[in-house]
Amino acid sequence: MSNINGKVYALNVITPMKPWKTWLLRGFFLLLGWIKPLQKDLIDLSFIEFARWVILPRRQFPFLGDGQAKEDLKYDYLLFFSNFNGTWNQYIDAFSAVLSKGLNLIWRWSEKFPGSVPVTPFKQYIAQVQFDTDYYFTAYPQAAANDVKSAHVVQTSLDKLALGAGGLTPQQFAEAYQRFVIEVQAHLGETGEAPVPF
């Protein structure tokens, strides 16, 4: 399972597109970049650490020379890269349930895309076009995206407590410390290995 690093799972998907469809998708990506509310649902899925689509035209594949045969490709390719927390099934289920319209607007240009709803054919499609990741970087492999966000909340609260602690009496400090613990208790998670995804 080379796609797993601690609590982080990497997903790479490569799908072929007919070249004339590439320009339509480029236009949609341009709109997506300009109209920020269209990105809201993707951003709200807090277990997604990273998600990116890239269009690779068939005539712009790397060519190194030195005996490498030039490829004569029929399709352009849409590459999707993502890192997320949780299992593969949870991720695809969430994508299908929350982002189905957006996914359909992006992947509909790919060959044999069945749509993101119902989820079973969508999962079968992703499983067929997914490639394992041999190496990837994650800054906090033992922590989920929500763990990192919670750590910021705890650190900010601790800094605030420390800043005012010097001038407090022991009784005042005990009260301030209790307020601190109550404020951050929902953000004290556990880092470590994630459960094995199915």
Protein backbone atom coordinates (compact mmCIF):
# COMPACT_ATOMS: atom_id res chain seq x y z
CA MET A 1 0.00 0.00 0.00
CA SER A 2 2.43 2.65 -1.17
CA ASN A 3 -0.31 5.28 -1.26
CA ILE A 4 -0.48 5.47 2.55
CA ASN A 5 1.84 7.53 4.75
CA GLY A 6 0.62 7.73 8.35
CA LYS A 7 -2.86 9.25 8.22
CA VAL A 8 -2.42 10.54 4.68
CA TYR A 9 -3.54 8.70 1.54
CA ALA A 10 -2.40 9.80 -1.91
CA LEU A 11 -4.65 9.44 -4.94
CA ASN A 12 -3.45 9.83 -8.53
CA VAL A 13 -5.89 9.49 -11.39
CA ILE A 14 -5.08 9.78 -15.10
CA THR A 15 -7.92 9.91 -17.63
CA PRO A 16 -7.80 10.33 -21.42
CA MET A 17 -9.68 13.14 -23.19
CA LYS A 18 -10.23 13.82 -26.85
CA PRO A 19 -8.13 16.90 -27.73
CA TRP A 20 -11.09 19.03 -28.82
CA LYS A 21 -12.58 18.65 -25.33
CA THR A 22 -9.45 20.00 -23.65
CA TRP A 23 -10.28 23.62 -24.51
CA LEU A 24 -13.72 23.33 -22.94
CA LEU A 25 -12.21 22.01 -19.72
CA ARG A 26 -9.53 24.73 -19.73
CA GLY A 27 -12.34 27.29 -19.93
CA PHE A 28 -14.10 25.70 -16.97
CA PHE A 29 -10.87 25.71 -14.93
CA LEU A 30 -10.42 29.39 -15.76
CA LEU A 31 -13.91 30.15 -14.44
CA LEU A 32 -13.26 28.02 -11.36
CA GLY A 33 -10.15 30.09 -10.60
CA TRP A 34 -11.97 33.40 -11.00
CA ILE A 35 -15.22 32.56 -9.22
CA LYS A 36 -14.11 31.59 -5.71
CA PRO A 37 -17.58 30.49 -4.44
CA LEU A 38 -17.36 27.58 -6.90
CA GLN A 39 -14.44 26.23 -4.81
CA LYS A 40 -16.32 26.39 -1.49
CA ASP A 41 -17.54 22.78 -1.33
CA LEU A 42 -14.05 21.41 -2.07
CA ILE A 43 -12.48 23.66 0.57
CA ASP A 44 -15.15 22.71 3.13
CA LEU A 45 -14.18 19.03 2.93
CA SER A 46 -11.67 19.41 5.74
CA PHE A 47 -10.10 15.96 5.36
CA ILE A 48 -8.67 16.92 1.96
CA GLU A 49 -5.12 18.19 2.34
CA PHE A 50 -4.50 18.80 -1.34
CA ALA A 51 -6.37 18.43 -4.63
CA ARG A 52 -5.22 19.47 -8.10
CA TRP A 53 -6.20 18.84 -11.70
CA VAL A 54 -3.68 19.21 -14.53
CA ILE A 55 -4.27 18.93 -18.27
CA LEU A 56 -1.40 17.35 -20.19
CA PRO A 57 -1.73 17.82 -23.98
CA ARG A 58 -0.70 14.82 -26.06
CA ARG A 59 1.99 16.79 -27.93
CA GLN A 60 3.60 18.15 -24.78
CA PHE A 61 4.69 14.94 -23.14
CA PRO A 62 8.34 15.08 -22.05
CA PHE A 63 10.79 13.97 -24.75
CA LEU A 64 14.38 13.45 -23.67
CA GLY A 65 15.88 12.37 -26.98
CA ASP A 66 18.82 9.98 -26.70
CA GLY A 67 16.98 7.00 -28.11
CA GLN A 68 13.58 7.70 -26.58
CA ALA A 69 10.89 7.08 -29.16
CA LYS A 70 8.50 10.01 -29.68
CA GLU A 71 5.01 9.10 -28.67
CA ASP A 72 2.15 9.52 -31.10
CA LEU A 73 -0.74 9.86 -28.68
CA LYS A 74 -4.40 10.03 -29.63
CA TYR A 75 -5.63 11.66 -26.41
CA ASP A 76 -4.81 14.54 -24.10
CA TYR A 77 -4.74 13.50 -20.45
CA LEU A 78 -6.37 14.87 -17.32
CA LEU A 79 -4.32 14.23 -14.20
CA PHE A 80 -5.85 14.45 -10.74
CA PHE A 81 -3.67 14.44 -7.63
CA SER A 82 -4.91 14.51 -4.06
CA ASN A 83 -3.82 13.81 -0.48
CA PHE A 84 -6.54 13.17 2.08
CA ASN A 85 -7.22 11.67 5.49
CA GLY A 86 -9.40 8.62 5.87
CA THR A 87 -10.02 5.62 3.68
CA TRP A 88 -10.30 5.49 -0.08
CA ASN A 89 -13.99 4.56 0.20
CA GLN A 90 -14.74 7.50 2.51
CA TYR A 91 -13.00 9.89 0.12
CA ILE A 92 -14.80 8.70 -3.00
CA ASP A 93 -18.14 8.60 -1.12
CA ALA A 94 -17.66 12.20 0.04
CA PHE A 95 -16.66 13.35 -3.43
CA SER A 96 -19.74 11.70 -4.89
CA ALA A 97 -22.10 13.06 -2.23
CA VAL A 98 -20.77 16.63 -1.88
CA LEU A 99 -19.03 17.44 -5.17
CA SER A 100 -20.97 15.43 -7.74
CA LYS A 101 -21.91 18.43 -9.92
CA GLY A 102 -18.37 19.81 -9.94
CA LEU A 103 -16.83 16.41 -10.62
CA ASN A 104 -19.22 15.86 -13.49
CA LEU A 105 -18.26 19.24 -14.99
CA ILE A 106 -14.57 18.31 -14.81
CA TRP A 107 -14.45 14.60 -15.60
CA ARG A 108 -17.33 14.49 -18.08
CA TRP A 109 -14.78 15.33 -20.79
CA SER A 110 -12.80 12.17 -20.01
CA GLU A 111 -13.44 9.01 -21.97
CA LYS A 112 -15.93 6.54 -20.47
CA PHE A 113 -16.61 8.64 -17.37
CA PRO A 114 -19.86 7.21 -15.91
CA GLY A 115 -20.72 10.23 -13.78
CA SER A 116 -20.10 10.63 -10.06
CA VAL A 117 -23.59 9.46 -9.07
CA PRO A 118 -24.43 6.66 -8.43
CA VAL A 119 -21.25 6.04 -6.50
CA THR A 120 -20.61 2.38 -7.41
CA PRO A 121 -19.82 2.94 -11.13
CA PHE A 122 -17.84 6.05 -10.12
CA LYS A 123 -15.71 3.98 -7.71
CA GLN A 124 -15.16 1.34 -10.38
CA TYR A 125 -14.01 4.03 -12.82
CA ILE A 126 -11.61 5.63 -10.33
CA ALA A 127 -10.19 2.21 -9.42
CA GLN A 128 -9.47 1.55 -13.12
CA VAL A 129 -7.71 4.87 -13.78
CA GLN A 130 -5.87 5.25 -10.45
CA PHE A 131 -2.11 4.76 -10.22
CA ASP A 132 -0.11 4.00 -7.08
CA THR A 133 2.14 6.67 -5.65
CA ASP A 134 5.68 5.51 -4.95
CA TYR A 135 6.88 8.63 -3.12
CA TYR A 136 5.28 11.81 -1.89
CA PHE A 137 5.87 14.44 0.77
CA THR A 138 3.60 15.15 3.67
CA ALA A 139 4.70 17.61 6.34
CA TYR A 140 2.76 15.87 9.13
CA PRO A 141 2.24 12.20 8.20
CA GLN A 142 1.03 11.23 11.68
CA ALA A 143 -1.55 14.04 11.75
CA ALA A 144 -4.73 14.57 9.76
CA ALA A 145 -5.57 17.99 8.31
CA ASN A 146 -8.00 18.55 11.20
CA ASP A 147 -5.24 17.62 13.69
CA VAL A 148 -3.06 20.40 12.27
CA LYS A 149 -5.93 22.93 12.41
CA SER A 150 -6.63 21.94 16.02
CA ALA A 151 -2.94 22.29 16.90
CA HIS A 152 -3.11 25.92 15.74
CA VAL A 153 -6.11 26.55 18.00
CA VAL A 154 -4.30 24.99 20.99
CA GLN A 155 -1.10 26.94 20.30
CA THR A 156 -2.94 30.27 19.94
CA SER A 157 -4.80 29.67 23.22
CA LEU A 158 -1.60 28.62 25.00
CA ASP A 159 0.22 31.72 23.75
CA LYS A 160 -2.62 33.89 25.06
CA LEU A 161 -2.46 32.15 28.45
CA ALA A 162 1.33 32.51 28.64
CA LEU A 163 1.20 36.18 27.70
CA GLY A 164 -1.04 37.05 30.64
CA ALA A 165 0.24 34.51 33.19
CA GLY A 166 3.10 36.61 34.56
CA GLY A 167 0.85 39.08 36.35
CA LEU A 168 -1.65 36.57 37.80
CA THR A 169 -1.95 35.32 41.34
CA PRO A 170 -1.94 31.53 41.80
CA GLN A 171 -5.74 31.57 42.14
CA GLN A 172 -6.17 33.72 39.00
CA PHE A 173 -3.76 31.47 37.10
CA ALA A 174 -5.71 28.36 38.16
CA GLU A 175 -8.89 29.95 36.82
CA ALA A 176 -7.20 31.07 33.59
CA TYR A 177 -5.70 27.60 33.14
CA GLN A 178 -9.09 25.96 33.64
CA ARG A 179 -10.62 28.30 31.01
CA PHE A 180 -7.74 27.38 28.67
CA VAL A 181 -8.34 23.64 29.12
CA ILE A 182 -12.08 24.02 28.55
CA GLU A 183 -11.44 26.14 25.46
CA VAL A 184 -9.04 23.65 23.84
CA GLN A 185 -10.38 20.28 25.04
CA ALA A 186 -12.21 19.60 21.78
CA HIS A 187 -8.94 20.21 19.91
CA LEU A 188 -6.76 17.74 21.83
CA GLY A 189 -6.68 14.87 19.33
CA GLU A 190 -4.38 11.95 18.86
CA THR A 191 -1.78 11.63 16.17
CA GLY A 192 -0.47 8.30 14.92
CA GLU A 193 -1.16 5.70 12.29
CA ALA A 194 -4.53 5.70 10.59
CA PRO A 195 -6.62 2.56 10.32
CA VAL A 196 -5.81 0.41 7.29
CA PRO A 197 -8.10 1.56 4.44
CA PHE A 198 -10.27 -0.90 2.59
